[in-house]
Amino acid sequence: MIKRLMMLAAVMLSFGLAVSEPAAALERKTYDAAAVAADQAAGKAVVIHVSAPWCPTCTAQKKAIDTIKDEPALKDVVLYELDFDTGGAALKELNARSQSTLIAYKGKTETGRSAGDTSAKGIEALIKSAL
């Protein structure tokens, strides 16, 4: 009887592991210059989204990002959200002149930049340029 219970528990455990939900691929964080610098120094794929809560284009971009965020190819990408209204010095440092700007980096090297693109395909291509 104990053997049966142990075998049943092992089967249930392995089944549970097989159907467990994958983690979200694209990691989102609030912009922090030190954290961005650390991720870049580690050679990570980093994307900075300069946005504003009042910006309809930024909202459309976030929706487009939501449609692609779980793609396995994007699992190692870190997306930082930088508020255009409070970004101050960071905006100047990044040369981000408007909200709805996306900037992609592979490590410390900028691989692409776009402003105003709301298409999931365009945003995905930009993000993948950092891989």
C-alpha atoms as a PDB file:
ATOM      1  CA  MET A   1       0.000   0.000   0.000  1.00  0.00           C
ATOM      2  CA  ILE A   2       2.788   2.425   0.898  1.00  0.00           C
ATOM      3  CA  LYS A   3       4.554   1.627  -2.379  1.00  0.00           C
ATOM      4  CA  ARG A   4       1.391   2.492  -4.297  1.00  0.00           C
ATOM      5  CA  LEU A   5       1.015   5.783  -2.466  1.00  0.00           C
ATOM      6  CA  MET A   6       4.646   6.688  -3.066  1.00  0.00           C
ATOM      7  CA  MET A   7       4.354   5.785  -6.748  1.00  0.00           C
ATOM      8  CA  LEU A   8       1.150   7.798  -7.065  1.00  0.00           C
ATOM      9  CA  ALA A   9       2.798  10.771  -5.357  1.00  0.00           C
ATOM     10  CA  ALA A  10       5.796  10.534  -7.724  1.00  0.00           C
ATOM     11  CA  VAL A  11       3.513  10.429 -10.775  1.00  0.00           C
ATOM     12  CA  MET A  12       1.477  13.381  -9.526  1.00  0.00           C
ATOM     13  CA  LEU A  13       4.620  15.362  -8.773  1.00  0.00           C
ATOM     14  CA  SER A  14       6.131  14.704 -12.202  1.00  0.00           C
ATOM     15  CA  PHE A  15       2.813  15.557 -13.880  1.00  0.00           C
ATOM     16  CA  GLY A  16       2.615  18.776 -11.903  1.00  0.00           C
ATOM     17  CA  LEU A  17       6.107  19.734 -13.011  1.00  0.00           C
ATOM     18  CA  ALA A  18       5.311  18.935 -16.628  1.00  0.00           C
ATOM     19  CA  VAL A  19       2.239  21.170 -16.769  1.00  0.00           C
ATOM     20  CA  SER A  20       3.450  23.988 -14.575  1.00  0.00           C
ATOM     21  CA  GLU A  21       2.941  27.400 -16.097  1.00  0.00           C
ATOM     22  CA  PRO A  22       6.073  28.983 -17.559  1.00  0.00           C
ATOM     23  CA  ALA A  23       7.278  32.229 -16.033  1.00  0.00           C
ATOM     24  CA  ALA A  24       6.663  35.454 -17.931  1.00  0.00           C
ATOM     25  CA  ALA A  25       9.496  35.874 -20.377  1.00  0.00           C
ATOM     26  CA  LEU A  26       9.970  39.615 -20.421  1.00  0.00           C
ATOM     27  CA  GLU A  27      10.916  40.987 -17.015  1.00  0.00           C
ATOM     28  CA  ARG A  28       9.539  44.499 -16.314  1.00  0.00           C
ATOM     29  CA  LYS A  29      11.077  46.862 -13.793  1.00  0.00           C
ATOM     30  CA  THR A  30      10.817  50.507 -12.832  1.00  0.00           C
ATOM     31  CA  TYR A  31      13.782  52.459 -14.185  1.00  0.00           C
ATOM     32  CA  ASP A  32      16.722  52.674 -11.826  1.00  0.00           C
ATOM     33  CA  ALA A  33      20.009  53.938 -13.276  1.00  0.00           C
ATOM     34  CA  ALA A  34      22.142  51.735 -11.018  1.00  0.00           C
ATOM     35  CA  ALA A  35      20.141  48.609 -11.865  1.00  0.00           C
ATOM     36  CA  VAL A  36      20.313  49.376 -15.605  1.00  0.00           C
ATOM     37  CA  ALA A  37      24.079  49.890 -15.357  1.00  0.00           C
ATOM     38  CA  ALA A  38      24.474  46.592 -13.478  1.00  0.00           C
ATOM     39  CA  ASP A  39      22.407  44.690 -16.051  1.00  0.00           C
ATOM     40  CA  GLN A  40      24.348  46.298 -18.892  1.00  0.00           C
ATOM     41  CA  ALA A  41      27.685  45.472 -17.230  1.00  0.00           C
ATOM     42  CA  ALA A  42      26.491  41.868 -16.966  1.00  0.00           C
ATOM     43  CA  GLY A  43      25.867  41.875 -20.727  1.00  0.00           C
ATOM     44  CA  LYS A  44      22.098  41.524 -20.436  1.00  0.00           C
ATOM     45  CA  ALA A  45      19.581  42.558 -23.057  1.00  0.00           C
ATOM     46  CA  VAL A  46      18.038  45.773 -21.719  1.00  0.00           C
ATOM     47  CA  VAL A  47      15.164  47.787 -23.155  1.00  0.00           C
ATOM     48  CA  ILE A  48      14.134  51.151 -21.759  1.00  0.00           C
ATOM     49  CA  HIS A  49      10.578  52.321 -22.408  1.00  0.00           C
ATOM     50  CA  VAL A  50      10.176  56.058 -21.908  1.00  0.00           C
ATOM     51  CA  SER A  51       6.479  56.584 -21.317  1.00  0.00           C
ATOM     52  CA  ALA A  52       3.922  58.792 -19.632  1.00  0.00           C
ATOM     53  CA  PRO A  53       0.633  57.766 -18.017  1.00  0.00           C
ATOM     54  CA  TRP A  54      -1.294  60.336 -20.082  1.00  0.00           C
ATOM     55  CA  CYS A  55       0.206  59.210 -23.411  1.00  0.00           C
ATOM     56  CA  PRO A  56      -2.147  57.122 -25.623  1.00  0.00           C
ATOM     57  CA  THR A  57       0.771  55.988 -27.807  1.00  0.00           C
ATOM     58  CA  CYS A  58       2.595  54.716 -24.704  1.00  0.00           C
ATOM     59  CA  THR A  59      -0.524  52.809 -23.650  1.00  0.00           C
ATOM     60  CA  ALA A  60      -0.712  51.207 -27.096  1.00  0.00           C
ATOM     61  CA  GLN A  61       2.973  50.276 -26.838  1.00  0.00           C
ATOM     62  CA  LYS A  62       2.407  48.636 -23.462  1.00  0.00           C
ATOM     63  CA  LYS A  63      -0.472  46.615 -24.931  1.00  0.00           C
ATOM     64  CA  ALA A  64       1.740  45.544 -27.835  1.00  0.00           C
ATOM     65  CA  ILE A  65       4.474  44.520 -25.383  1.00  0.00           C
ATOM     66  CA  ASP A  66       1.902  42.523 -23.405  1.00  0.00           C
ATOM     67  CA  THR A  67       1.085  40.504 -26.539  1.00  0.00           C
ATOM     68  CA  ILE A  68       4.725  39.427 -27.005  1.00  0.00           C
ATOM     69  CA  LYS A  69       6.064  39.361 -23.430  1.00  0.00           C
ATOM     70  CA  ASP A  70       5.720  35.595 -22.981  1.00  0.00           C
ATOM     71  CA  GLU A  71       7.668  34.622 -26.073  1.00  0.00           C
ATOM     72  CA  PRO A  72      10.490  32.273 -25.069  1.00  0.00           C
ATOM     73  CA  ALA A  73      13.010  34.238 -27.156  1.00  0.00           C
ATOM     74  CA  LEU A  74      12.491  37.233 -24.865  1.00  0.00           C
ATOM     75  CA  LYS A  75      13.040  35.386 -21.590  1.00  0.00           C
ATOM     76  CA  ASP A  76      16.367  37.067 -20.877  1.00  0.00           C
ATOM     77  CA  VAL A  77      15.278  40.631 -21.694  1.00  0.00           C
ATOM     78  CA  VAL A  78      14.833  43.182 -18.931  1.00  0.00           C
ATOM     79  CA  LEU A  79      12.418  46.021 -19.729  1.00  0.00           C
ATOM     80  CA  TYR A  80      12.748  49.201 -17.684  1.00  0.00           C
ATOM     81  CA  GLU A  81       9.880  51.697 -17.576  1.00  0.00           C
ATOM     82  CA  LEU A  82      11.075  55.320 -17.328  1.00  0.00           C
ATOM     83  CA  ASP A  83       8.430  57.965 -16.619  1.00  0.00           C
ATOM     84  CA  PHE A  84       8.814  60.880 -19.028  1.00  0.00           C
ATOM     85  CA  ASP A  85       7.336  63.354 -16.536  1.00  0.00           C
ATOM     86  CA  THR A  86       9.770  62.524 -13.732  1.00  0.00           C
ATOM     87  CA  GLY A  87      12.773  61.179 -15.672  1.00  0.00           C
ATOM     88  CA  GLY A  88      14.789  64.398 -15.481  1.00  0.00           C
ATOM     89  CA  ALA A  89      18.522  63.742 -15.843  1.00  0.00           C
ATOM     90  CA  ALA A  90      17.997  60.181 -17.055  1.00  0.00           C
ATOM     91  CA  LEU A  91      16.115  61.465 -20.099  1.00  0.00           C
ATOM     92  CA  LYS A  92      19.017  63.744 -20.994  1.00  0.00           C
ATOM     93  CA  GLU A  93      21.534  60.970 -20.414  1.00  0.00           C
ATOM     94  CA  LEU A  94      19.567  58.663 -22.719  1.00  0.00           C
ATOM     95  CA  ASN A  95      18.897  61.439 -25.239  1.00  0.00           C
ATOM     96  CA  ALA A  96      15.190  60.607 -24.998  1.00  0.00           C
ATOM     97  CA  ARG A  97      13.348  63.666 -26.225  1.00  0.00           C
ATOM     98  CA  SER A  98       9.815  62.336 -26.138  1.00  0.00           C
ATOM     99  CA  GLN A  99       7.570  59.845 -24.459  1.00  0.00           C
ATOM    100  CA  SER A 100       6.813  56.646 -26.415  1.00  0.00           C
ATOM    101  CA  THR A 101      10.535  56.058 -26.972  1.00  0.00           C
ATOM    102  CA  LEU A 102      11.985  52.549 -26.777  1.00  0.00           C
ATOM    103  CA  ILE A 103      15.755  52.075 -26.536  1.00  0.00           C
ATOM    104  CA  ALA A 104      17.367  48.624 -26.803  1.00  0.00           C
ATOM    105  CA  TYR A 105      20.828  47.675 -25.526  1.00  0.00           C
ATOM    106  CA  LYS A 106      22.939  44.546 -25.696  1.00  0.00           C
ATOM    107  CA  GLY A 107      25.135  45.127 -22.713  1.00  0.00           C
ATOM    108  CA  LYS A 108      26.229  48.750 -22.970  1.00  0.00           C
ATOM    109  CA  THR A 109      25.824  48.957 -26.760  1.00  0.00           C
ATOM    110  CA  GLU A 110      22.659  50.575 -28.102  1.00  0.00           C
ATOM    111  CA  THR A 111      21.209  48.261 -30.765  1.00  0.00           C
ATOM    112  CA  GLY A 112      18.103  50.213 -31.701  1.00  0.00           C
ATOM    113  CA  ARG A 113      15.721  53.018 -30.876  1.00  0.00           C
ATOM    114  CA  SER A 114      12.197  53.900 -31.922  1.00  0.00           C
ATOM    115  CA  ALA A 115       9.635  56.520 -31.036  1.00  0.00           C
ATOM    116  CA  GLY A 116       5.911  56.160 -31.548  1.00  0.00           C
ATOM    117  CA  ASP A 117       5.923  52.594 -32.916  1.00  0.00           C
ATOM    118  CA  THR A 118       2.875  50.735 -31.583  1.00  0.00           C
ATOM    119  CA  SER A 119       3.068  47.589 -33.709  1.00  0.00           C
ATOM    120  CA  ALA A 120       3.876  44.383 -31.857  1.00  0.00           C
ATOM    121  CA  LYS A 121       6.067  43.233 -34.761  1.00  0.00           C
ATOM    122  CA  GLY A 122       8.076  46.453 -34.805  1.00  0.00           C
ATOM    123  CA  ILE A 123       8.540  46.472 -31.044  1.00  0.00           C
ATOM    124  CA  GLU A 124       9.456  42.784 -31.039  1.00  0.00           C
ATOM    125  CA  ALA A 125      12.093  43.372 -33.738  1.00  0.00           C
ATOM    126  CA  LEU A 126      13.553  46.225 -31.687  1.00  0.00           C
ATOM    127  CA  ILE A 127      13.641  44.111 -28.534  1.00  0.00           C
ATOM    128  CA  LYS A 128      15.215  41.172 -30.379  1.00  0.00           C
ATOM    129  CA  SER A 129      17.979  43.479 -31.655  1.00  0.00           C
ATOM    130  CA  ALA A 130      19.287  43.440 -28.078  1.00  0.00           C
ATOM    131  CA  LEU A 131      19.669  39.665 -27.987  1.00  0.00           C
END
